[in-house]
Amino acid sequence: DYGSASTNWVNGELVLTYKSSSSLTISDGAVNADILVVGGGGGGGRSNSTSSYYGSGNGGLVLAIANQTLPGGGYEIAVGAGGSGATSNGKSGSAGGESSLKGGSVSKTAAGGGGGGTSAAAGSPTTGTESLITGASVSYGKGGVKAKDSTTAGKEGTNPGDGGTGNKRGANGGSGAKGIVVVRLKEAYAVLEDLGLRIGGTVSEFRDASDQPISFAYSEVTCK
């Protein structure tokens, strides 16, 4: 049971992407997986002055774990919300929420980024963390930059975990982007192109081309 995850296949490996809190069940013994956990980005602040900016929100913490063993059982997945940008003058943005994957002996947590404060500076870190776990190169957890002027609302974080931009007096700080949790199952999967079926090395079920389970007895399958 993959819960609310969206799924895709990369080099024969199943990628589960969680953009909201959910659960995951590993039903057939331990599996090996790469895991990405990103906390929500912090919101940008809003200055009391029209000549200076408040700080931008910090990026959420990025945890990238390779070859993690996930024993069979249930896992709770939490995806942290992005912090709110300040909506009144002289206020800091709020912090992003933490994201996590927890179950049994496994506990991986990424803190949310701090909200932008009184320093007129870009959020930290100034560059995000690149990852290919979903099959595409994506930057996660980058701090926000300053807004252009006091009449333009701060910009929300773009990628998961990015911080929102800080702003001058008279315009709101940008909200941080929510976090994300990605689990990439590393077991070998064979694809039967002619039947549109996938057979998992340790996930003992058949799935059709739409990634839906197919139930039938193993005696009905002949591999040549």
Protein backbone atom coordinates (compact mmCIF):
# COMPACT_ATOMS: atom_id res chain seq x y z
CA ASP A 1 0.00 0.00 0.00
CA TYR A 2 1.64 3.21 -1.19
CA GLY A 3 -0.92 5.60 0.31
CA SER A 4 -1.23 8.92 -1.54
CA ALA A 5 2.09 8.57 -3.38
CA SER A 6 2.37 9.33 -7.07
CA THR A 7 4.43 6.64 -8.81
CA ASN A 8 6.85 6.43 -11.70
CA TRP A 9 9.51 4.01 -12.87
CA VAL A 10 13.17 4.98 -13.32
CA ASN A 11 15.64 2.40 -14.64
CA GLY A 12 13.43 -0.43 -13.43
CA GLU A 13 13.04 1.05 -9.92
CA LEU A 14 9.73 2.19 -8.45
CA VAL A 15 9.69 5.82 -7.23
CA LEU A 16 7.06 6.87 -4.67
CA THR A 17 6.61 10.65 -4.32
CA TYR A 18 4.65 12.04 -1.36
CA LYS A 19 3.47 15.66 -1.56
CA SER A 20 1.12 15.31 1.40
CA SER A 21 1.17 13.34 4.64
CA SER A 22 0.31 9.66 4.16
CA SER A 23 1.45 6.13 4.97
CA LEU A 24 3.45 3.35 3.32
CA THR A 25 3.23 -0.38 3.92
CA ILE A 26 6.05 -2.76 3.02
CA SER A 27 4.27 -6.11 3.00
CA ASP A 28 6.88 -8.63 1.85
CA GLY A 29 9.98 -8.46 4.01
CA ALA A 30 12.71 -5.84 4.00
CA VAL A 31 13.44 -3.74 0.91
CA ASN A 32 16.35 -1.51 0.03
CA ALA A 33 15.55 2.10 -0.86
CA ASP A 34 16.94 5.56 -1.50
CA ILE A 35 15.06 8.19 0.52
CA LEU A 36 14.70 11.97 0.21
CA VAL A 37 13.07 13.95 3.04
CA VAL A 38 12.74 17.75 2.69
CA GLY A 39 11.28 20.09 5.32
CA GLY A 40 8.99 22.98 4.42
CA GLY A 41 10.60 26.30 3.49
CA GLY A 42 10.37 29.33 5.79
CA GLY A 43 8.25 32.36 4.96
CA GLY A 44 9.73 35.76 4.12
CA GLY A 45 9.58 38.75 6.47
CA ARG A 46 8.14 42.24 5.89
CA SER A 47 10.08 45.35 6.81
CA ASN A 48 9.01 48.55 8.59
CA SER A 49 10.97 50.54 6.05
CA THR A 50 10.46 51.28 2.36
CA SER A 51 14.21 51.49 1.86
CA SER A 52 15.24 48.09 3.19
CA TYR A 53 14.02 44.51 3.02
CA TYR A 54 13.37 42.05 5.80
CA GLY A 55 15.06 38.70 5.52
CA SER A 56 13.93 35.94 3.20
CA GLY A 57 12.88 32.53 4.49
CA ASN A 58 15.43 29.77 4.90
CA GLY A 59 15.22 26.55 2.94
CA GLY A 60 13.99 23.38 4.63
CA LEU A 61 16.56 20.78 5.67
CA VAL A 62 17.29 18.20 2.96
CA LEU A 63 18.05 14.60 3.98
CA ALA A 64 19.24 12.29 1.20
CA ILE A 65 19.79 8.70 2.36
CA ALA A 66 21.16 6.04 0.02
CA ASN A 67 20.58 2.30 0.40
CA GLN A 68 18.36 2.47 3.47
CA THR A 69 16.90 -0.86 4.59
CA LEU A 70 13.16 -0.63 5.21
CA PRO A 71 11.96 -3.67 7.19
CA GLY A 72 8.50 -4.98 6.40
CA GLY A 73 5.73 -3.09 8.17
CA GLY A 74 3.99 0.27 8.24
CA TYR A 75 5.53 3.73 7.92
CA GLU A 76 4.02 7.13 8.64
CA ILE A 77 4.97 9.92 6.27
CA ALA A 78 4.62 13.59 7.19
CA VAL A 79 5.12 16.41 4.68
CA GLY A 80 5.84 19.79 6.27
CA ALA A 81 3.88 22.87 5.22
CA GLY A 82 5.65 25.96 3.95
CA GLY A 83 5.91 28.83 6.43
CA SER A 84 3.63 31.83 5.92
CA GLY A 85 5.05 35.11 4.71
CA ALA A 86 4.63 38.14 7.00
CA THR A 87 1.44 40.11 6.27
CA SER A 88 2.08 43.21 8.40
CA ASN A 89 4.98 45.65 8.62
CA GLY A 90 7.90 44.85 10.90
CA LYS A 91 7.09 41.15 11.19
CA SER A 92 9.13 38.02 10.53
CA GLY A 93 7.92 35.12 8.43
CA SER A 94 6.94 31.85 10.08
CA ALA A 95 9.01 28.67 10.03
CA GLY A 96 8.25 25.75 7.72
CA GLY A 97 7.02 22.43 9.10
CA GLU A 98 9.14 19.33 9.48
CA SER A 99 8.86 16.35 7.15
CA SER A 100 9.53 12.77 8.19
CA LEU A 101 9.39 9.06 7.45
CA LYS A 102 8.99 6.92 10.57
CA GLY A 103 8.28 3.26 11.20
CA GLY A 104 9.79 0.54 13.36
CA SER A 105 13.51 1.22 13.81
CA VAL A 106 13.59 3.77 10.97
CA SER A 107 13.15 7.47 11.79
CA LYS A 108 14.20 10.18 9.31
CA THR A 109 13.20 13.80 10.02
CA ALA A 110 14.02 17.02 8.16
CA ALA A 111 13.33 20.28 10.00
CA GLY A 112 11.54 23.16 8.32
CA GLY A 113 13.40 26.33 7.36
CA GLY A 114 13.32 29.33 9.67
CA GLY A 115 11.23 32.37 8.80
CA GLY A 116 12.89 35.52 7.46
CA GLY A 117 13.79 38.03 10.18
CA THR A 118 15.16 41.57 10.46
CA SER A 119 18.31 41.05 8.42
CA ALA A 120 17.94 42.26 4.82
CA ALA A 121 19.56 39.16 3.38
CA ALA A 122 18.70 36.20 1.21
CA GLY A 123 17.65 33.03 2.99
CA SER A 124 20.09 30.20 3.66
CA PRO A 125 21.32 28.16 1.88
CA THR A 126 21.79 30.31 -1.23
CA THR A 127 21.83 27.21 -3.43
CA GLY A 128 19.58 24.19 -3.11
CA THR A 129 20.50 20.51 -2.90
CA GLU A 130 20.36 18.75 -6.28
CA SER A 131 18.85 15.28 -6.44
CA LEU A 132 18.05 12.81 -9.23
CA ILE A 133 15.93 10.51 -7.08
CA THR A 134 12.75 11.10 -9.13
CA GLY A 135 14.58 10.61 -12.43
CA ALA A 136 14.95 14.35 -13.09
CA SER A 137 17.48 16.77 -11.61
CA VAL A 138 15.66 18.98 -9.08
CA SER A 139 17.03 21.49 -6.55
CA TYR A 140 15.47 21.30 -3.07
CA GLY A 141 15.60 23.52 0.01
CA LYS A 142 16.97 26.80 -1.38
CA GLY A 143 16.67 29.97 0.69
CA GLY A 144 14.46 32.76 -0.66
CA VAL A 145 15.77 35.90 -2.38
CA LYS A 146 14.64 39.53 -1.94
CA ALA A 147 11.52 40.86 -3.66
CA LYS A 148 11.97 43.57 -6.29
CA ASP A 149 10.05 46.45 -4.72
CA SER A 150 7.63 47.40 -1.94
CA THR A 151 4.53 47.09 -4.14
CA THR A 152 5.20 43.52 -5.24
CA ALA A 153 4.25 40.66 -2.94
CA GLY A 154 7.07 38.31 -2.03
CA LYS A 155 7.52 35.26 -4.19
CA GLU A 156 6.62 31.82 -2.90
CA GLY A 157 9.33 29.18 -2.88
CA THR A 158 9.52 27.40 -6.24
CA ASN A 159 10.65 23.83 -5.52
CA PRO A 160 9.89 21.70 -2.44
CA GLY A 161 11.52 23.16 0.68
CA ASP A 162 12.41 26.54 -0.88
CA GLY A 163 12.09 29.65 1.29
CA GLY A 164 9.85 32.62 0.46
CA THR A 165 11.23 36.05 -0.38
CA GLY A 166 11.52 38.91 2.11
CA ASN A 167 10.00 42.30 1.38
CA LYS A 168 9.86 46.02 2.18
CA ARG A 169 7.16 47.90 4.03
CA GLY A 170 3.77 47.71 2.32
CA ALA A 171 4.00 44.28 0.67
CA ASN A 172 3.78 40.78 2.10
CA GLY A 173 6.63 38.36 2.40
CA GLY A 174 6.44 35.26 0.24
CA SER A 175 5.36 31.90 1.65
CA GLY A 176 7.78 29.01 1.80
CA ALA A 177 7.18 25.94 -0.36
CA LYS A 178 5.98 22.78 1.36
CA GLY A 179 8.35 19.87 1.76
CA ILE A 180 8.38 16.46 0.10
CA VAL A 181 9.21 12.80 0.83
CA VAL A 182 10.44 10.47 -1.92
CA VAL A 183 11.11 6.73 -1.58
CA ARG A 184 12.84 4.94 -4.46
CA LEU A 185 12.68 1.15 -4.14
CA LYS A 186 15.99 -0.29 -5.27
CA GLU A 187 14.95 -3.87 -5.94
CA ALA A 188 15.18 -5.10 -9.52
CA TYR A 189 11.92 -5.06 -11.46
CA ALA A 190 11.35 -6.97 -14.66
CA VAL A 191 9.01 -5.46 -17.26
CA LEU A 192 7.02 -7.79 -19.48
CA GLU A 193 6.55 -5.44 -22.42
CA ASP A 194 4.16 -7.64 -24.34
CA LEU A 195 1.75 -8.07 -21.40
CA GLY A 196 2.23 -4.64 -19.81
CA LEU A 197 3.02 -6.31 -16.46
CA ARG A 198 5.72 -5.62 -13.87
CA ILE A 199 7.11 -8.25 -11.51
CA GLY A 200 8.90 -6.99 -8.39
CA GLY A 201 11.97 -8.77 -7.07
CA THR A 202 10.83 -8.52 -3.43
CA VAL A 203 7.38 -6.99 -3.88
CA SER A 204 5.50 -10.17 -4.75
CA GLU A 205 2.67 -8.75 -6.80
CA PHE A 206 1.90 -8.10 -10.44
CA ARG A 207 0.94 -4.63 -11.68
CA ASP A 208 -0.60 -3.51 -14.94
CA ALA A 209 0.52 -0.61 -17.14
CA SER A 210 -1.43 1.80 -14.89
CA ASP A 211 0.46 0.49 -11.84
CA GLN A 212 -2.65 -1.21 -10.43
CA PRO A 213 -2.29 -4.59 -8.66
CA ILE A 214 -3.32 -7.74 -10.53
CA SER A 215 -4.23 -10.80 -8.45
CA PHE A 216 -3.86 -14.36 -9.69
CA ALA A 217 -2.13 -17.56 -8.66
CA TYR A 218 1.54 -17.98 -9.50
CA SER A 219 0.69 -21.29 -11.18
CA GLU A 220 -1.05 -19.31 -13.89
CA VAL A 221 2.20 -17.61 -14.93
CA THR A 222 4.78 -19.28 -17.13
CA CYS A 223 8.12 -17.50 -17.67
CA LYS A 224 10.30 -18.62 -20.59
